[in-house]
Amino acid sequence: MNITLSERYAKLIGEGDRKTSISNELINQKEILFHHLSIDVFIKNFFKHKFSDIEPTREVDEHVIAQIMFDSLVSMYYSTVKLFSKMGLNVIVDTAIENDKWFNECLDVFFDQPTLFIGIICSKEELIRREQIRGDRKIGLAASQFNTVYSIDEYDLKVNIEKMNPIECAEKTLSFIKSNKEYLAFKKLSKRNVCVS
């Protein structure tokens, strides 16, 4: 596989605050231009711009909002990433794949795209500790998502954030990109069965 850098994009999956820190290090280096698309910012901006001036006549539970909106927003997010890639941009996809439906859609959208699939590895205990220190996450989210997020075992590259800082993770990522090794992990992944309730 001979892919020019302008056709590549990196898919980062794993633990929250370090994904963004690693993304920032990749953006700040000067060798390769990257564009950062965070699912959290994408969804937050959607609601901020589309619903900021609406006064609801009744309260809607966050769980109901999630059921109605999130699958569609994740689809739009993945499509935006693919569009950026088709435009020749290097995209850092800052996300965690939280369920099998999103995983399957990610496979569908990115299967024919050059995707460097990076596993950001961290122990459950460390994730829980960081979640409590951060203060901007719902306590228990890390533990509840751990088995789903870390159920993927096929990556082109793994970085262990308990042993490496964000700069080292970014340097390892850049070294991998510059090595011109093929990005094969994403093509080896298989769709998952999705239960419909």
Protein backbone atom coordinates (compact mmCIF):
# COMPACT_ATOMS: atom_id res chain seq x y z
CA MET A 1 0.00 0.00 0.00
CA ASN A 2 1.53 3.29 -1.07
CA ILE A 3 -0.45 6.13 0.48
CA THR A 4 0.71 9.72 0.44
CA LEU A 5 0.56 11.58 3.72
CA SER A 6 -2.21 13.81 2.41
CA GLU A 7 -4.47 10.77 2.11
CA ARG A 8 -3.85 9.47 5.60
CA TYR A 9 -5.73 10.02 8.75
CA ALA A 10 -5.24 8.63 12.22
CA LYS A 11 -8.00 7.03 14.21
CA LEU A 12 -7.37 7.38 17.91
CA ILE A 13 -9.46 5.31 20.28
CA GLY A 14 -9.11 4.85 23.99
CA GLU A 15 -9.06 6.89 27.16
CA GLY A 16 -10.42 10.43 27.21
CA ASP A 17 -8.00 13.05 28.50
CA ARG A 18 -4.94 11.41 26.99
CA LYS A 19 -6.55 11.00 23.56
CA THR A 20 -6.96 14.73 23.42
CA SER A 21 -3.48 15.38 24.86
CA ILE A 22 -1.91 13.08 22.26
CA SER A 23 -4.02 14.75 19.55
CA ASN A 24 -2.77 18.16 20.68
CA GLU A 25 0.85 16.98 20.49
CA LEU A 26 0.27 15.70 16.95
CA ILE A 27 -1.31 19.01 15.97
CA ASN A 28 1.53 21.05 17.52
CA GLN A 29 4.35 19.26 15.69
CA LYS A 30 5.41 20.82 12.38
CA GLU A 31 6.25 17.83 10.13
CA ILE A 32 2.73 16.73 9.17
CA LEU A 33 -0.39 18.90 9.22
CA PHE A 34 -3.29 17.30 11.11
CA HIS A 35 -6.89 18.36 11.64
CA HIS A 36 -8.52 17.34 14.92
CA LEU A 37 -12.15 16.20 15.05
CA SER A 38 -13.38 15.32 18.52
CA ILE A 39 -16.74 13.61 18.89
CA ASP A 40 -17.32 15.47 22.18
CA VAL A 41 -16.74 18.88 20.57
CA PHE A 42 -18.71 17.89 17.46
CA ILE A 43 -21.80 16.98 19.51
CA LYS A 44 -21.42 19.92 21.90
CA ASN A 45 -21.17 22.38 19.00
CA PHE A 46 -24.19 20.85 17.29
CA PHE A 47 -26.38 21.44 20.34
CA LYS A 48 -24.83 24.85 21.05
CA HIS A 49 -25.48 26.16 17.52
CA LYS A 50 -28.80 24.48 16.79
CA PHE A 51 -30.61 24.75 20.13
CA SER A 52 -29.05 27.65 22.04
CA ASP A 53 -32.02 30.00 21.55
CA ILE A 54 -34.82 27.45 21.97
CA GLU A 55 -36.89 27.55 25.14
CA PRO A 56 -38.42 24.08 25.64
CA THR A 57 -41.94 23.92 27.02
CA ARG A 58 -41.01 20.80 29.02
CA GLU A 59 -37.86 19.10 30.26
CA VAL A 60 -36.53 16.10 28.36
CA ASP A 61 -34.34 13.60 30.16
CA GLU A 62 -30.74 13.38 28.88
CA HIS A 63 -31.23 9.66 28.26
CA VAL A 64 -34.16 10.39 25.92
CA ILE A 65 -32.12 13.03 24.09
CA ALA A 66 -29.29 10.52 23.68
CA GLN A 67 -31.65 7.88 22.28
CA ILE A 68 -33.11 10.31 19.77
CA MET A 69 -29.98 12.17 18.66
CA PHE A 70 -26.68 10.39 19.32
CA ASP A 71 -26.75 7.67 16.68
CA SER A 72 -27.53 10.26 14.00
CA LEU A 73 -24.86 12.65 15.28
CA VAL A 74 -22.25 9.87 15.35
CA SER A 75 -23.18 9.04 11.73
CA MET A 76 -22.76 12.70 10.76
CA TYR A 77 -19.43 12.82 12.65
CA TYR A 78 -18.06 9.75 10.83
CA SER A 79 -19.25 11.16 7.49
CA THR A 80 -17.52 14.47 8.26
CA VAL A 81 -14.27 12.63 8.96
CA LYS A 82 -14.58 10.72 5.69
CA LEU A 83 -15.23 13.97 3.80
CA PHE A 84 -12.10 15.54 5.32
CA SER A 85 -10.12 12.47 4.28
CA LYS A 86 -11.52 12.58 0.74
CA MET A 87 -10.42 16.22 0.60
CA GLY A 88 -6.85 15.04 1.28
CA LEU A 89 -6.70 16.19 4.90
CA ASN A 90 -5.01 14.27 7.71
CA VAL A 91 -7.66 13.83 10.38
CA ILE A 92 -7.20 12.83 13.99
CA VAL A 93 -10.44 11.15 14.97
CA ASP A 94 -10.73 11.69 18.72
CA THR A 95 -13.43 9.28 19.82
CA ALA A 96 -14.27 6.18 21.78
CA ILE A 97 -16.47 3.60 20.09
CA GLU A 98 -19.02 3.01 22.82
CA ASN A 99 -21.26 0.34 21.33
CA ASP A 100 -21.45 -2.27 18.58
CA LYS A 101 -23.72 -0.16 16.38
CA TRP A 102 -21.16 2.67 16.32
CA PHE A 103 -18.36 0.17 15.77
CA ASN A 104 -20.13 -1.31 12.73
CA GLU A 105 -20.87 2.11 11.30
CA CYS A 106 -17.25 3.13 11.80
CA LEU A 107 -16.19 0.02 9.86
CA ASP A 108 -18.66 0.78 7.06
CA VAL A 109 -17.62 4.42 6.66
CA PHE A 110 -13.84 4.01 7.01
CA PHE A 111 -13.26 0.55 5.51
CA ASP A 112 -12.09 1.88 2.15
CA GLN A 113 -10.17 4.77 3.70
CA PRO A 114 -6.53 4.65 4.81
CA THR A 115 -6.98 4.40 8.57
CA LEU A 116 -4.17 4.15 11.08
CA PHE A 117 -5.92 2.48 14.00
CA ILE A 118 -4.25 3.34 17.30
CA GLY A 119 -5.12 1.71 20.62
CA ILE A 120 -4.58 4.01 23.57
CA ILE A 121 -4.09 1.52 26.37
CA CYS A 122 -4.62 2.12 30.08
CA SER A 123 -5.68 -0.06 33.03
CA LYS A 124 -9.20 0.21 34.39
CA GLU A 125 -7.87 1.28 37.78
CA GLU A 126 -5.87 4.14 36.24
CA LEU A 127 -8.86 5.26 34.16
CA ILE A 128 -11.01 5.39 37.29
CA ARG A 129 -8.31 7.35 39.14
CA ARG A 130 -8.00 9.87 36.28
CA GLU A 131 -11.76 10.22 35.98
CA GLN A 132 -11.97 11.24 39.64
CA ILE A 133 -9.10 13.73 39.29
CA ARG A 134 -10.46 15.36 36.12
CA GLY A 135 -13.80 16.30 37.56
CA ASP A 136 -15.42 16.87 34.15
CA ARG A 137 -16.69 13.33 33.63
CA LYS A 138 -19.57 11.48 35.19
CA ILE A 139 -18.04 9.27 37.87
CA GLY A 140 -18.37 5.63 36.86
CA LEU A 141 -18.30 6.31 33.10
CA ALA A 142 -14.76 4.93 32.69
CA ALA A 143 -15.61 1.68 34.45
CA SER A 144 -18.92 1.28 32.60
CA GLN A 145 -17.33 1.78 29.17
CA PHE A 146 -14.07 -0.07 29.80
CA ASN A 147 -15.04 -3.53 28.49
CA THR A 148 -16.69 -2.12 25.37
CA VAL A 149 -13.95 0.37 24.52
CA TYR A 150 -11.17 -2.15 25.18
CA SER A 151 -12.90 -5.10 23.49
CA ILE A 152 -11.04 -4.30 20.26
CA ASP A 153 -7.76 -6.15 20.10
CA GLU A 154 -6.56 -5.34 16.57
CA TYR A 155 -4.55 -2.14 16.16
CA ASP A 156 -1.83 -0.91 13.84
CA LEU A 157 -0.16 0.71 16.82
CA LYS A 158 -0.65 0.68 20.60
CA VAL A 159 0.49 3.31 23.05
CA ASN A 160 0.33 2.69 26.79
CA ILE A 161 -0.45 5.97 28.52
CA GLU A 162 0.60 4.62 31.90
CA LYS A 163 4.15 4.19 30.57
CA MET A 164 4.33 6.99 27.99
CA ASN A 165 3.48 10.68 28.14
CA PRO A 166 1.51 12.39 25.33
CA ILE A 167 4.67 13.64 23.63
CA GLU A 168 6.13 10.13 23.50
CA CYS A 169 2.83 8.74 22.20
CA ALA A 170 2.73 11.39 19.46
CA GLU A 171 6.37 10.69 18.53
CA LYS A 172 5.66 6.96 18.30
CA THR A 173 2.65 7.70 16.09
CA LEU A 174 4.66 9.97 13.79
CA SER A 175 7.42 7.36 13.54
CA PHE A 176 4.86 4.78 12.50
CA ILE A 177 3.39 7.10 9.85
CA LYS A 178 6.84 7.94 8.47
CA SER A 179 7.79 4.24 8.33
CA ASN A 180 5.27 3.79 5.47
CA LYS A 181 4.05 0.54 7.01
CA GLU A 182 0.65 -0.57 5.77
CA TYR A 183 -2.40 0.21 7.86
CA LEU A 184 -3.95 -3.23 8.13
CA ALA A 185 -5.73 -3.44 11.49
CA PHE A 186 -8.94 -1.77 10.40
CA LYS A 187 -9.33 -4.13 7.46
CA LYS A 188 -8.98 -7.16 9.77
CA LEU A 189 -11.84 -6.13 12.04
CA SER A 190 -15.24 -7.75 11.62
CA LYS A 191 -18.71 -6.38 12.22
CA ARG A 192 -20.42 -7.24 15.47
CA ASN A 193 -23.94 -8.48 16.09
CA VAL A 194 -26.16 -5.65 17.24
CA CYS A 195 -29.08 -6.47 19.55
CA VAL A 196 -32.24 -4.53 18.80
CA SER A 197 -34.43 -3.83 21.82
